[in-house]
Amino acid sequence: MENRETLSESFKNELDAISSNTILDPSYCRKKLILWFISTTITIVLYIIFWEHSWVRWSLLLTVPLNLFSLFTIVGSPYLLKRKIERTKQKLISGDETIAETEDDKEKKNGLLQLRFRSA
């Protein structure tokens, strides 16, 4: 019983530590967005300079999806991670409540059994 409580507490502590992670920090996201904008600008300038080469045009088919995926990870990751952390916290809370309910039920059953044996 104590191990479950300490395990639950350690999960909650770990979730709190993850919540304070740099990935979820707004200043970190802002810095990453600035770096993304700079690298995208450099990429666009290079595409304009070397556009006459046919392989550069074909590489654009790979560059655009990767660049959009990079933008999504910068913008979407904090939101998705926060949502996942909150869901996990809710599951831990409901798990703790379930454990407490089952322990209460066991105690009630044990109390009823003891009363039956005493009265018999």
PDB file of N, CA and C in Angstrom:
ATOM      1  N   MET A   1       0.825  -1.181   0.000  1.00  0.00           N
ATOM      2  CA  MET A   1       0.000   0.000   0.000  1.00  0.00           C
ATOM      3  C   MET A   1       0.876   1.253   0.000  1.00  0.00           C
ATOM      4  N   GLU A   2       1.921   1.267   0.801  1.00  0.00           N
ATOM      5  CA  GLU A   2       2.807   2.411   0.848  1.00  0.00           C
ATOM      6  C   GLU A   2       3.564   2.563  -0.462  1.00  0.00           C
ATOM      7  N   ASN A   3       3.917   1.439  -1.089  1.00  0.00           N
ATOM      8  CA  ASN A   3       4.631   1.500  -2.347  1.00  0.00           C
ATOM      9  C   ASN A   3       3.783   2.160  -3.431  1.00  0.00           C
ATOM     10  N   ARG A   4       2.501   1.881  -3.430  1.00  0.00           N
ATOM     11  CA  ARG A   4       1.624   2.494  -4.429  1.00  0.00           C
ATOM     12  C   ARG A   4       1.536   3.996  -4.224  1.00  0.00           C
ATOM     13  N   GLU A   5       1.466   4.414  -2.977  1.00  0.00           N
ATOM     14  CA  GLU A   5       1.410   5.841  -2.699  1.00  0.00           C
ATOM     15  C   GLU A   5       2.704   6.523  -3.108  1.00  0.00           C
ATOM     16  N   THR A   6       3.814   5.935  -2.792  1.00  0.00           N
ATOM     17  CA  THR A   6       5.078   6.550  -3.161  1.00  0.00           C
ATOM     18  C   THR A   6       5.282   6.500  -4.672  1.00  0.00           C
ATOM     19  N   LEU A   7       4.794   5.458  -5.321  1.00  0.00           N
ATOM     20  CA  LEU A   7       4.900   5.378  -6.765  1.00  0.00           C
ATOM     21  C   LEU A   7       4.048   6.466  -7.411  1.00  0.00           C
ATOM     22  N   SER A   8       2.853   6.652  -6.920  1.00  0.00           N
ATOM     23  CA  SER A   8       1.980   7.704  -7.431  1.00  0.00           C
ATOM     24  C   SER A   8       2.592   9.078  -7.203  1.00  0.00           C
ATOM     25  N   GLU A   9       3.143   9.279  -6.018  1.00  0.00           N
ATOM     26  CA  GLU A   9       3.785  10.555  -5.723  1.00  0.00           C
ATOM     27  C   GLU A   9       4.994  10.782  -6.608  1.00  0.00           C
ATOM     28  N   SER A  10       5.758   9.734  -6.867  1.00  0.00           N
ATOM     29  CA  SER A  10       6.930   9.892  -7.729  1.00  0.00           C
ATOM     30  C   SER A  10       6.504  10.207  -9.162  1.00  0.00           C
ATOM     31  N   PHE A  11       5.390   9.616  -9.624  1.00  0.00           N
ATOM     32  CA  PHE A  11       4.877   9.959 -10.943  1.00  0.00           C
ATOM     33  C   PHE A  11       4.458  11.422 -10.994  1.00  0.00           C
ATOM     34  N   LYS A  12       3.781  11.875  -9.949  1.00  0.00           N
ATOM     35  CA  LYS A  12       3.357  13.274  -9.913  1.00  0.00           C
ATOM     36  C   LYS A  12       4.555  14.210  -9.867  1.00  0.00           C
ATOM     37  N   ASN A  13       5.573  13.853  -9.109  1.00  0.00           N
ATOM     38  CA  ASN A  13       6.787  14.675  -9.049  1.00  0.00           C
ATOM     39  C   ASN A  13       7.475  14.723 -10.405  1.00  0.00           C
ATOM     40  N   GLU A  14       7.499  13.587 -11.074  1.00  0.00           N
ATOM     41  CA  GLU A  14       8.123  13.546 -12.393  1.00  0.00           C
ATOM     42  C   GLU A  14       7.333  14.371 -13.405  1.00  0.00           C
ATOM     43  N   LEU A  15       6.012  14.327 -13.326  1.00  0.00           N
ATOM     44  CA  LEU A  15       5.185  15.145 -14.216  1.00  0.00           C
ATOM     45  C   LEU A  15       5.405  16.633 -13.952  1.00  0.00           C
ATOM     46  N   ASP A  16       5.571  17.005 -12.687  1.00  0.00           N
ATOM     47  CA  ASP A  16       5.866  18.399 -12.368  1.00  0.00           C
ATOM     48  C   ASP A  16       7.220  18.818 -12.928  1.00  0.00           C
ATOM     49  N   ALA A  17       8.186  17.906 -12.868  1.00  0.00           N
ATOM     50  CA  ALA A  17       9.512  18.205 -13.408  1.00  0.00           C
ATOM     51  C   ALA A  17       9.451  18.357 -14.923  1.00  0.00           C
ATOM     52  N   ILE A  18       8.667  17.512 -15.571  1.00  0.00           N
ATOM     53  CA  ILE A  18       8.522  17.608 -17.025  1.00  0.00           C
ATOM     54  C   ILE A  18       7.806  18.901 -17.396  1.00  0.00           C
ATOM     55  N   SER A  19       6.855  19.315 -16.573  1.00  0.00           N
ATOM     56  CA  SER A  19       6.111  20.544 -16.858  1.00  0.00           C
ATOM     57  C   SER A  19       7.013  21.764 -16.843  1.00  0.00           C
ATOM     58  N   SER A  20       8.063  21.718 -16.048  1.00  0.00           N
ATOM     59  CA  SER A  20       8.988  22.844 -15.998  1.00  0.00           C
ATOM     60  C   SER A  20      10.120  22.704 -17.014  1.00  0.00           C
ATOM     61  N   ASN A  21      10.006  21.744 -17.907  1.00  0.00           N
ATOM     62  CA  ASN A  21      11.011  21.497 -18.931  1.00  0.00           C
ATOM     63  C   ASN A  21      11.102  22.676 -19.889  1.00  0.00           C
ATOM     64  N   THR A  22      12.255  22.839 -20.525  1.00  0.00           N
ATOM     65  CA  THR A  22      12.458  23.970 -21.436  1.00  0.00           C
ATOM     66  C   THR A  22      11.569  23.892 -22.673  1.00  0.00           C
ATOM     67  N   ILE A  23      11.175  22.714 -23.078  1.00  0.00           N
ATOM     68  CA  ILE A  23      10.331  22.589 -24.266  1.00  0.00           C
ATOM     69  C   ILE A  23       9.002  23.294 -24.055  1.00  0.00           C
ATOM     70  N   LEU A  24       8.504  23.305 -22.832  1.00  0.00           N
ATOM     71  CA  LEU A  24       7.226  23.935 -22.540  1.00  0.00           C
ATOM     72  C   LEU A  24       7.363  25.411 -22.191  1.00  0.00           C
ATOM     73  N   ASP A  25       8.572  25.913 -22.100  1.00  0.00           N
ATOM     74  CA  ASP A  25       8.809  27.306 -21.748  1.00  0.00           C
ATOM     75  C   ASP A  25       8.515  28.210 -22.950  1.00  0.00           C
ATOM     76  N   PRO A  26       7.675  29.238 -22.801  1.00  0.00           N
ATOM     77  CA  PRO A  26       7.342  30.115 -23.930  1.00  0.00           C
ATOM     78  C   PRO A  26       8.550  30.853 -24.518  1.00  0.00           C
ATOM     79  N   SER A  27       9.516  31.234 -23.687  1.00  0.00           N
ATOM     80  CA  SER A  27      10.694  31.920 -24.223  1.00  0.00           C
ATOM     81  C   SER A  27      11.528  30.976 -25.094  1.00  0.00           C
ATOM     82  N   TYR A  28      11.572  29.710 -24.707  1.00  0.00           N
ATOM     83  CA  TYR A  28      12.276  28.710 -25.513  1.00  0.00           C
ATOM     84  C   TYR A  28      11.591  28.554 -26.873  1.00  0.00           C
ATOM     85  N   CYS A  29      10.256  28.495 -26.866  1.00  0.00           N
ATOM     86  CA  CYS A  29       9.509  28.373 -28.123  1.00  0.00           C
ATOM     87  C   CYS A  29       9.721  29.598 -29.003  1.00  0.00           C
ATOM     88  N   ARG A  30       9.735  30.775 -28.393  1.00  0.00           N
ATOM     89  CA  ARG A  30       9.958  31.997 -29.145  1.00  0.00           C
ATOM     90  C   ARG A  30      11.338  31.985 -29.789  1.00  0.00           C
ATOM     91  N   LYS A  31      12.349  31.547 -29.038  1.00  0.00           N
ATOM     92  CA  LYS A  31      13.707  31.465 -29.569  1.00  0.00           C
ATOM     93  C   LYS A  31      13.775  30.473 -30.732  1.00  0.00           C
ATOM     94  N   LYS A  32      13.106  29.328 -30.564  1.00  0.00           N
ATOM     95  CA  LYS A  32      13.084  28.336 -31.639  1.00  0.00           C
ATOM     96  C   LYS A  32      12.371  28.872 -32.881  1.00  0.00           C
ATOM     97  N   LEU A  33      11.292  29.631 -32.687  1.00  0.00           N
ATOM     98  CA  LEU A  33      10.587  30.219 -33.829  1.00  0.00           C
ATOM     99  C   LEU A  33      11.451  31.235 -34.564  1.00  0.00           C
ATOM    100  N   ILE A  34      12.211  32.015 -33.817  1.00  0.00           N
ATOM    101  CA  ILE A  34      13.122  32.971 -34.455  1.00  0.00           C
ATOM    102  C   ILE A  34      14.182  32.237 -35.254  1.00  0.00           C
ATOM    103  N   LEU A  35      14.749  31.179 -34.686  1.00  0.00           N
ATOM    104  CA  LEU A  35      15.747  30.391 -35.420  1.00  0.00           C
ATOM    105  C   LEU A  35      15.134  29.713 -36.644  1.00  0.00           C
ATOM    106  N   TRP A  36      13.887  29.247 -36.511  1.00  0.00           N
ATOM    107  CA  TRP A  36      13.206  28.641 -37.651  1.00  0.00           C
ATOM    108  C   TRP A  36      13.005  29.678 -38.756  1.00  0.00           C
ATOM    109  N   PHE A  37      12.605  30.878 -38.381  1.00  0.00           N
ATOM    110  CA  PHE A  37      12.390  31.935 -39.363  1.00  0.00           C
ATOM    111  C   PHE A  37      13.687  32.299 -40.072  1.00  0.00           C
ATOM    112  N   ILE A  38      14.785  32.381 -39.327  1.00  0.00           N
ATOM    113  CA  ILE A  38      16.086  32.700 -39.933  1.00  0.00           C
ATOM    114  C   ILE A  38      16.509  31.595 -40.893  1.00  0.00           C
ATOM    115  N   SER A  39      16.399  30.348 -40.489  1.00  0.00           N
ATOM    116  CA  SER A  39      16.822  29.252 -41.378  1.00  0.00           C
ATOM    117  C   SER A  39      15.917  29.158 -42.608  1.00  0.00           C
ATOM    118  N   THR A  40      14.624  29.417 -42.446  1.00  0.00           N
ATOM    119  CA  THR A  40      13.712  29.401 -43.589  1.00  0.00           C
ATOM    120  C   THR A  40      14.034  30.537 -44.550  1.00  0.00           C
ATOM    121  N   THR A  41      14.360  31.690 -44.018  1.00  0.00           N
ATOM    122  CA  THR A  41      14.742  32.829 -44.865  1.00  0.00           C
ATOM    123  C   THR A  41      16.008  32.514 -45.648  1.00  0.00           C
ATOM    124  N   ILE A  42      16.988  31.924 -45.000  1.00  0.00           N
ATOM    125  CA  ILE A  42      18.226  31.541 -45.686  1.00  0.00           C
ATOM    126  C   ILE A  42      17.921  30.513 -46.773  1.00  0.00           C
ATOM    127  N   THR A  43      17.055  29.557 -46.484  1.00  0.00           N
ATOM    128  CA  THR A  43      16.680  28.544 -47.465  1.00  0.00           C
ATOM    129  C   THR A  43      16.003  29.183 -48.674  1.00  0.00           C
ATOM    130  N   ILE A  44      15.106  30.118 -48.431  1.00  0.00           N
ATOM    131  CA  ILE A  44      14.413  30.791 -49.539  1.00  0.00           C
ATOM    132  C   ILE A  44      15.399  31.571 -50.396  1.00  0.00           C
ATOM    133  N   VAL A  45      16.323  32.271 -49.767  1.00  0.00           N
ATOM    134  CA  VAL A  45      17.330  33.026 -50.516  1.00  0.00           C
ATOM    135  C   VAL A  45      18.182  32.085 -51.361  1.00  0.00           C
ATOM    136  N   LEU A  46      18.574  30.954 -50.796  1.00  0.00           N
ATOM    137  CA  LEU A  46      19.373  29.990 -51.557  1.00  0.00           C
ATOM    138  C   LEU A  46      18.577  29.393 -52.724  1.00  0.00           C
ATOM    139  N   TYR A  47      17.296  29.156 -52.524  1.00  0.00           N
ATOM    140  CA  TYR A  47      16.467  28.650 -53.614  1.00  0.00           C
ATOM    141  C   TYR A  47      16.352  29.679 -54.729  1.00  0.00           C
ATOM    142  N   ILE A  48      16.234  30.923 -54.379  1.00  0.00           N
ATOM    143  CA  ILE A  48      16.148  31.976 -55.398  1.00  0.00           C
ATOM    144  C   ILE A  48      17.462  32.083 -56.172  1.00  0.00           C
ATOM    145  N   ILE A  49      18.572  31.996 -55.467  1.00  0.00           N
ATOM    146  CA  ILE A  49      19.882  32.108 -56.126  1.00  0.00           C
ATOM    147  C   ILE A  49      20.134  30.932 -57.067  1.00  0.00           C
ATOM    148  N   PHE A  50      19.826  29.713 -56.633  1.00  0.00           N
ATOM    149  CA  PHE A  50      20.147  28.515 -57.411  1.00  0.00           C
ATOM    150  C   PHE A  50      18.947  27.914 -58.138  1.00  0.00           C
ATOM    151  N   TRP A  51      17.939  28.699 -58.416  1.00  0.00           N
ATOM    152  CA  TRP A  51      16.712  28.190 -59.017  1.00  0.00           C
ATOM    153  C   TRP A  51      16.931  27.600 -60.419  1.00  0.00           C
ATOM    154  N   GLU A  52      17.935  28.068 -61.150  1.00  0.00           N
ATOM    155  CA  GLU A  52      18.144  27.583 -62.528  1.00  0.00           C
ATOM    156  C   GLU A  52      18.578  26.114 -62.591  1.00  0.00           C
ATOM    157  N   HIS A  53      19.054  25.566 -61.487  1.00  0.00           N
ATOM    158  CA  HIS A  53      19.433  24.151 -61.458  1.00  0.00           C
ATOM    159  C   HIS A  53      18.189  23.308 -61.206  1.00  0.00           C
ATOM    160  N   SER A  54      18.037  22.264 -62.026  1.00  0.00           N
ATOM    161  CA  SER A  54      16.811  21.464 -61.934  1.00  0.00           C
ATOM    162  C   SER A  54      16.728  20.674 -60.617  1.00  0.00           C
ATOM    163  N   TRP A  55      17.836  20.203 -60.100  1.00  0.00           N
ATOM    164  CA  TRP A  55      17.796  19.434 -58.856  1.00  0.00           C
ATOM    165  C   TRP A  55      17.351  20.285 -57.679  1.00  0.00           C
ATOM    166  N   VAL A  56      17.600  21.602 -57.755  1.00  0.00           N
ATOM    167  CA  VAL A  56      17.155  22.494 -56.679  1.00  0.00           C
ATOM    168  C   VAL A  56      15.634  22.535 -56.656  1.00  0.00           C
ATOM    169  N   ARG A  57      15.028  22.576 -57.820  1.00  0.00           N
ATOM    170  CA  ARG A  57      13.559  22.591 -57.894  1.00  0.00           C
ATOM    171  C   ARG A  57      12.970  21.299 -57.319  1.00  0.00           C
ATOM    172  N   TRP A  58      13.617  20.175 -57.623  1.00  0.00           N
ATOM    173  CA  TRP A  58      13.118  18.901 -57.105  1.00  0.00           C
ATOM    174  C   TRP A  58      13.313  18.793 -55.593  1.00  0.00           C
ATOM    175  N   SER A  59      14.368  19.382 -55.096  1.00  0.00           N
ATOM    176  CA  SER A  59      14.611  19.315 -53.647  1.00  0.00           C
ATOM    177  C   SER A  59      13.567  20.116 -52.874  1.00  0.00           C
ATOM    178  N   LEU A  60      12.897  21.029 -53.559  1.00  0.00           N
ATOM    179  CA  LEU A  60      11.845  21.799 -52.911  1.00  0.00           C
ATOM    180  C   LEU A  60      10.702  20.896 -52.446  1.00  0.00           C
ATOM    181  N   LEU A  61      10.482  19.784 -53.157  1.00  0.00           N
ATOM    182  CA  LEU A  61       9.441  18.834 -52.762  1.00  0.00           C
ATOM    183  C   LEU A  61       9.718  18.186 -51.399  1.00  0.00           C
ATOM    184  N   LEU A  62      10.963  18.110 -51.043  1.00  0.00           N
ATOM    185  CA  LEU A  62      11.341  17.562 -49.746  1.00  0.00           C
ATOM    186  C   LEU A  62      11.471  18.662 -48.685  1.00  0.00           C
ATOM    187  N   THR A  63      11.937  19.819 -49.122  1.00  0.00           N
ATOM    188  CA  THR A  63      12.195  20.913 -48.175  1.00  0.00           C
ATOM    189  C   THR A  63      10.920  21.472 -47.560  1.00  0.00           C
ATOM    190  N   VAL A  64       9.889  21.667 -48.360  1.00  0.00           N
ATOM    191  CA  VAL A  64       8.658  22.275 -47.852  1.00  0.00           C
ATOM    192  C   VAL A  64       7.993  21.412 -46.769  1.00  0.00           C
ATOM    193  N   PRO A  65       7.771  20.108 -46.999  1.00  0.00           N
ATOM    194  CA  PRO A  65       7.159  19.309 -45.922  1.00  0.00           C
ATOM    195  C   PRO A  65       8.008  19.244 -44.650  1.00  0.00           C
ATOM    196  N   LEU A  66       9.322  19.132 -44.809  1.00  0.00           N
ATOM    197  CA  LEU A  66      10.184  19.092 -43.633  1.00  0.00           C
ATOM    198  C   LEU A  66      10.148  20.408 -42.863  1.00  0.00           C
ATOM    199  N   ASN A  67      10.107  21.503 -43.601  1.00  0.00           N
ATOM    200  CA  ASN A  67      10.048  22.814 -42.958  1.00  0.00           C
ATOM    201  C   ASN A  67       8.715  23.003 -42.225  1.00  0.00           C
ATOM    202  N   LEU A  68       7.618  22.572 -42.844  1.00  0.00           N
ATOM    203  CA  LEU A  68       6.315  22.667 -42.191  1.00  0.00           C
ATOM    204  C   LEU A  68       6.236  21.753 -40.968  1.00  0.00           C
ATOM    205  N   PHE A  69       6.824  20.570 -41.065  1.00  0.00           N
ATOM    206  CA  PHE A  69       6.867  19.668 -39.918  1.00  0.00           C
ATOM    207  C   PHE A  69       7.670  20.292 -38.773  1.00  0.00           C
ATOM    208  N   SER A  70       8.761  20.941 -39.114  1.00  0.00           N
ATOM    209  CA  SER A  70       9.574  21.616 -38.106  1.00  0.00           C
ATOM    210  C   SER A  70       8.771  22.719 -37.420  1.00  0.00           C
ATOM    211  N   LEU A  71       8.021  23.481 -38.190  1.00  0.00           N
ATOM    212  CA  LEU A  71       7.177  24.524 -37.618  1.00  0.00           C
ATOM    213  C   LEU A  71       6.108  23.921 -36.709  1.00  0.00           C
ATOM    214  N   PHE A  72       5.516  22.825 -37.144  1.00  0.00           N
ATOM    215  CA  PHE A  72       4.504  22.161 -36.326  1.00  0.00           C
ATOM    216  C   PHE A  72       5.088  21.674 -35.009  1.00  0.00           C
ATOM    217  N   THR A  73       6.289  21.110 -35.025  1.00  0.00           N
ATOM    218  CA  THR A  73       6.889  20.618 -33.789  1.00  0.00           C
ATOM    219  C   THR A  73       7.210  21.765 -32.830  1.00  0.00           C
ATOM    220  N   ILE A  74       7.584  22.912 -33.381  1.00  0.00           N
ATOM    221  CA  ILE A  74       7.883  24.053 -32.517  1.00  0.00           C
ATOM    222  C   ILE A  74       6.606  24.608 -31.903  1.00  0.00           C
ATOM    223  N   VAL A  75       5.565  24.740 -32.712  1.00  0.00           N
ATOM    224  CA  VAL A  75       4.325  25.358 -32.245  1.00  0.00           C
ATOM    225  C   VAL A  75       3.420  24.345 -31.542  1.00  0.00           C
ATOM    226  N   GLY A  76       3.304  23.145 -32.091  1.00  0.00           N
ATOM    227  CA  GLY A  76       2.346  22.174 -31.582  1.00  0.00           C
ATOM    228  C   GLY A  76       2.813  21.322 -30.424  1.00  0.00           C
ATOM    229  N   SER A  77       4.094  21.079 -30.314  1.00  0.00           N
ATOM    230  CA  SER A  77       4.603  20.202 -29.257  1.00  0.00           C
ATOM    231  C   SER A  77       4.261  20.673 -27.850  1.00  0.00           C
ATOM    232  N   PRO A  78       4.467  21.945 -27.530  1.00  0.00           N
ATOM    233  CA  PRO A  78       4.113  22.357 -26.160  1.00  0.00           C
ATOM    234  C   PRO A  78       2.636  22.140 -25.847  1.00  0.00           C
ATOM    235  N   TYR A  79       1.778  22.448 -26.788  1.00  0.00           N
ATOM    236  CA  TYR A  79       0.344  22.261 -26.565  1.00  0.00           C
ATOM    237  C   TYR A  79       0.016  20.782 -26.359  1.00  0.00           C
ATOM    238  N   LEU A  80       0.540  19.927 -27.232  1.00  0.00           N
ATOM    239  CA  LEU A  80       0.266  18.494 -27.127  1.00  0.00           C
ATOM    240  C   LEU A  80       0.850  17.906 -25.847  1.00  0.00           C
ATOM    241  N   LEU A  81       2.047  18.336 -25.473  1.00  0.00           N
ATOM    242  CA  LEU A  81       2.666  17.822 -24.253  1.00  0.00           C
ATOM    243  C   LEU A  81       1.909  18.265 -23.007  1.00  0.00           C
ATOM    244  N   LYS A  82       1.478  19.522 -22.961  1.00  0.00           N
ATOM    245  CA  LYS A  82       0.704  19.997 -21.811  1.00  0.00           C
ATOM    246  C   LYS A  82      -0.594  19.208 -21.677  1.00  0.00           C
ATOM    247  N   ARG A  83      -1.246  18.982 -22.815  1.00  0.00           N
ATOM    248  CA  ARG A  83      -2.495  18.221 -22.793  1.00  0.00           C
ATOM    249  C   ARG A  83      -2.262  16.794 -22.302  1.00  0.00           C
ATOM    250  N   LYS A  84      -1.189  16.176 -22.772  1.00  0.00           N
ATOM    251  CA  LYS A  84      -0.858  14.811 -22.362  1.00  0.00           C
ATOM    252  C   LYS A  84      -0.512  14.750 -20.877  1.00  0.00           C
ATOM    253  N   ILE A  85       0.209  15.738 -20.372  1.00  0.00           N
ATOM    254  CA  ILE A  85       0.573  15.777 -18.958  1.00  0.00           C
ATOM    255  C   ILE A  85      -0.674  15.921 -18.101  1.00  0.00           C
ATOM    256  N   GLU A  86      -1.600  16.791 -18.505  1.00  0.00           N
ATOM    257  CA  GLU A  86      -2.838  16.974 -17.738  1.00  0.00           C
ATOM    258  C   GLU A  86      -3.675  15.695 -17.734  1.00  0.00           C
ATOM    259  N   ARG A  87      -3.751  15.017 -18.888  1.00  0.00           N
ATOM    260  CA  ARG A  87      -4.490  13.752 -18.951  1.00  0.00           C
ATOM    261  C   ARG A  87      -3.866  12.701 -18.037  1.00  0.00           C
ATOM    262  N   THR A  88      -2.541  12.651 -18.020  1.00  0.00           N
ATOM    263  CA  THR A  88      -1.845  11.684 -17.175  1.00  0.00           C
ATOM    264  C   THR A  88      -2.077  11.999 -15.695  1.00  0.00           C
ATOM    265  N   LYS A  89      -2.071  13.281 -15.337  1.00  0.00           N
ATOM    266  CA  LYS A  89      -2.352  13.656 -13.950  1.00  0.00           C
ATOM    267  C   LYS A  89      -3.761  13.233 -13.557  1.00  0.00           C
ATOM    268  N   GLN A  90      -4.719  13.432 -14.460  1.00  0.00           N
ATOM    269  CA  GLN A  90      -6.098  13.030 -14.170  1.00  0.00           C
ATOM    270  C   GLN A  90      -6.199  11.514 -13.996  1.00  0.00           C
ATOM    271  N   LYS A  91      -5.486  10.765 -14.819  1.00  0.00           N
ATOM    272  CA  LYS A  91      -5.489   9.308 -14.687  1.00  0.00           C
ATOM    273  C   LYS A  91      -4.870   8.871 -13.364  1.00  0.00           C
ATOM    274  N   LEU A  92      -3.811   9.551 -12.929  1.00  0.00           N
ATOM    275  CA  LEU A  92      -3.202   9.224 -11.636  1.00  0.00           C
ATOM    276  C   LEU A  92      -4.168   9.510 -10.495  1.00  0.00           C
ATOM    277  N   ILE A  93      -4.864  10.634 -10.595  1.00  0.00           N
ATOM    278  CA  ILE A  93      -5.824  10.980  -9.542  1.00  0.00           C
ATOM    279  C   ILE A  93      -6.948   9.951  -9.502  1.00  0.00           C
ATOM    280  N   SER A  94      -7.478   9.587 -10.676  1.00  0.00           N
ATOM    281  CA  SER A  94      -8.565   8.600 -10.694  1.00  0.00           C
ATOM    282  C   SER A  94      -8.069   7.231 -10.227  1.00  0.00           C
ATOM    283  N   GLY A  95      -6.828   6.897 -10.543  1.00  0.00           N
ATOM    284  CA  GLY A  95      -6.256   5.636 -10.061  1.00  0.00           C
ATOM    285  C   GLY A  95      -6.114   5.626  -8.555  1.00  0.00           C
ATOM    286  N   ASP A  96      -5.672   6.761  -7.984  1.00  0.00           N
ATOM    287  CA  ASP A  96      -5.580   6.863  -6.527  1.00  0.00           C
ATOM    288  C   ASP A  96      -6.950   6.728  -5.883  1.00  0.00           C
ATOM    289  N   GLU A  97      -7.960   7.346  -6.488  1.00  0.00           N
ATOM    290  CA  GLU A  97      -9.316   7.244  -5.949  1.00  0.00           C
ATOM    291  C   GLU A  97      -9.829   5.811  -6.011  1.00  0.00           C
ATOM    292  N   THR A  98      -9.538   5.124  -7.106  1.00  0.00           N
ATOM    293  CA  THR A  98      -9.963   3.730  -7.247  1.00  0.00           C
ATOM    294  C   THR A  98      -9.298   2.852  -6.195  1.00  0.00           C
ATOM    295  N   ILE A  99      -8.012   3.071  -5.989  1.00  0.00           N
ATOM    296  CA  ILE A  99      -7.289   2.291  -4.980  1.00  0.00           C
ATOM    297  C   ILE A  99      -7.871   2.559  -3.594  1.00  0.00           C
ATOM    298  N   ALA A 100      -8.158   3.822  -3.312  1.00  0.00           N
ATOM    299  CA  ALA A 100      -8.734   4.161  -2.000  1.00  0.00           C
ATOM    300  C   ALA A 100     -10.108   3.525  -1.832  1.00  0.00           C
ATOM    301  N   GLU A 101     -10.912   3.511  -2.893  1.00  0.00           N
ATOM    302  CA  GLU A 101     -12.240   2.894  -2.814  1.00  0.00           C
ATOM    303  C   GLU A 101     -12.143   1.393  -2.575  1.00  0.00           C
ATOM    304  N   THR A 102     -11.239   0.725  -3.269  1.00  0.00           N
ATOM    305  CA  THR A 102     -11.110  -0.729  -3.082  1.00  0.00           C
ATOM    306  C   THR A 102     -10.597  -1.049  -1.686  1.00  0.00           C
ATOM    307  N   GLU A 103      -9.692  -0.216  -1.161  1.00  0.00           N
ATOM    308  CA  GLU A 103      -9.209  -0.452   0.198  1.00  0.00           C
ATOM    309  C   GLU A 103     -10.332  -0.236   1.205  1.00  0.00           C
ATOM    310  N   ASP A 104     -11.169   0.775   0.978  1.00  0.00           N
ATOM    311  CA  ASP A 104     -12.313   0.998   1.864  1.00  0.00           C
ATOM    312  C   ASP A 104     -13.283  -0.170   1.805  1.00  0.00           C
ATOM    313  N   ASP A 105     -13.531  -0.676   0.595  1.00  0.00           N
ATOM    314  CA  ASP A 105     -14.430  -1.829   0.439  1.00  0.00           C
ATOM    315  C   ASP A 105     -13.876  -3.046   1.168  1.00  0.00           C
ATOM    316  N   LYS A 106     -12.570  -3.277   1.080  1.00  0.00           N
ATOM    317  CA  LYS A 106     -11.957  -4.413   1.771  1.00  0.00           C
ATOM    318  C   LYS A 106     -12.099  -4.265   3.285  1.00  0.00           C
ATOM    319  N   GLU A 107     -11.887  -3.041   3.760  1.00  0.00           N
ATOM    320  CA  GLU A 107     -12.004  -2.810   5.199  1.00  0.00           C
ATOM    321  C   GLU A 107     -13.440  -3.032   5.668  1.00  0.00           C
ATOM    322  N   LYS A 108     -14.405  -2.599   4.873  1.00  0.00           N
ATOM    323  CA  LYS A 108     -15.810  -2.801   5.233  1.00  0.00           C
ATOM    324  C   LYS A 108     -16.156  -4.291   5.249  1.00  0.00           C
ATOM    325  N   LYS A 109     -15.684  -5.026   4.252  1.00  0.00           N
ATOM    326  CA  LYS A 109     -15.943  -6.460   4.204  1.00  0.00           C
ATOM    327  C   LYS A 109     -15.302  -7.165   5.387  1.00  0.00           C
ATOM    328  N   ASN A 110     -14.061  -6.789   5.701  1.00  0.00           N
ATOM    329  CA  ASN A 110     -13.386  -7.394   6.857  1.00  0.00           C
ATOM    330  C   ASN A 110     -14.134  -7.070   8.137  1.00  0.00           C
ATOM    331  N   GLY A 111     -14.637  -5.845   8.273  1.00  0.00           N
ATOM    332  CA  GLY A 111     -15.404  -5.465   9.458  1.00  0.00           C
ATOM    333  C   GLY A 111     -16.690  -6.245   9.561  1.00  0.00           C
ATOM    334  N   LEU A 112     -17.386  -6.452   8.423  1.00  0.00           N
ATOM    335  CA  LEU A 112     -18.618  -7.239   8.437  1.00  0.00           C
ATOM    336  C   LEU A 112     -18.351  -8.691   8.780  1.00  0.00           C
ATOM    337  N   LEU A 113     -17.269  -9.249   8.256  1.00  0.00           N
ATOM    338  CA  LEU A 113     -16.924 -10.636   8.560  1.00  0.00           C
ATOM    339  C   LEU A 113     -16.610 -10.801  10.046  1.00  0.00           C
ATOM    340  N   GLN A 114     -15.894  -9.846  10.613  1.00  0.00           N
ATOM    341  CA  GLN A 114     -15.561  -9.930  12.025  1.00  0.00           C
ATOM    342  C   GLN A 114     -16.824  -9.832  12.882  1.00  0.00           C
ATOM    343  N   LEU A 115     -17.764  -8.974  12.453  1.00  0.00           N
ATOM    344  CA  LEU A 115     -19.033  -8.867  13.200  1.00  0.00           C
ATOM    345  C   LEU A 115     -19.827 -10.165  13.126  1.00  0.00           C
ATOM    346  N   ARG A 116     -19.832 -10.812  11.988  1.00  0.00           N
ATOM    347  CA  ARG A 116     -20.562 -12.066  11.830  1.00  0.00           C
ATOM    348  C   ARG A 116     -19.965 -13.154  12.707  1.00  0.00           C
ATOM    349  N   PHE A 117     -18.610 -13.229  12.739  1.00  0.00           N
ATOM    350  CA  PHE A 117     -17.985 -14.259  13.557  1.00  0.00           C
ATOM    351  C   PHE A 117     -18.187 -13.992  15.047  1.00  0.00           C
ATOM    352  N   ARG A 118     -18.221 -12.737  15.440  1.00  0.00           N
ATOM    353  CA  ARG A 118     -18.424 -12.414  16.851  1.00  0.00           C
ATOM    354  C   ARG A 118     -19.861 -12.740  17.287  1.00  0.00           C
ATOM    355  N   SER A 119     -20.810 -12.495  16.386  1.00  0.00           N
ATOM    356  CA  SER A 119     -22.205 -12.740  16.743  1.00  0.00           C
ATOM    357  C   SER A 119     -22.564 -14.222  16.693  1.00  0.00           C
ATOM    358  N   ALA A 120     -21.778 -15.015  15.984  1.00  0.00           N
ATOM    359  CA  ALA A 120     -22.095 -16.429  15.869  1.00  0.00           C
ATOM    360  C   ALA A 120     -21.613 -17.255  17.012  1.00  0.00           C
TER     361      ALA A 120
END
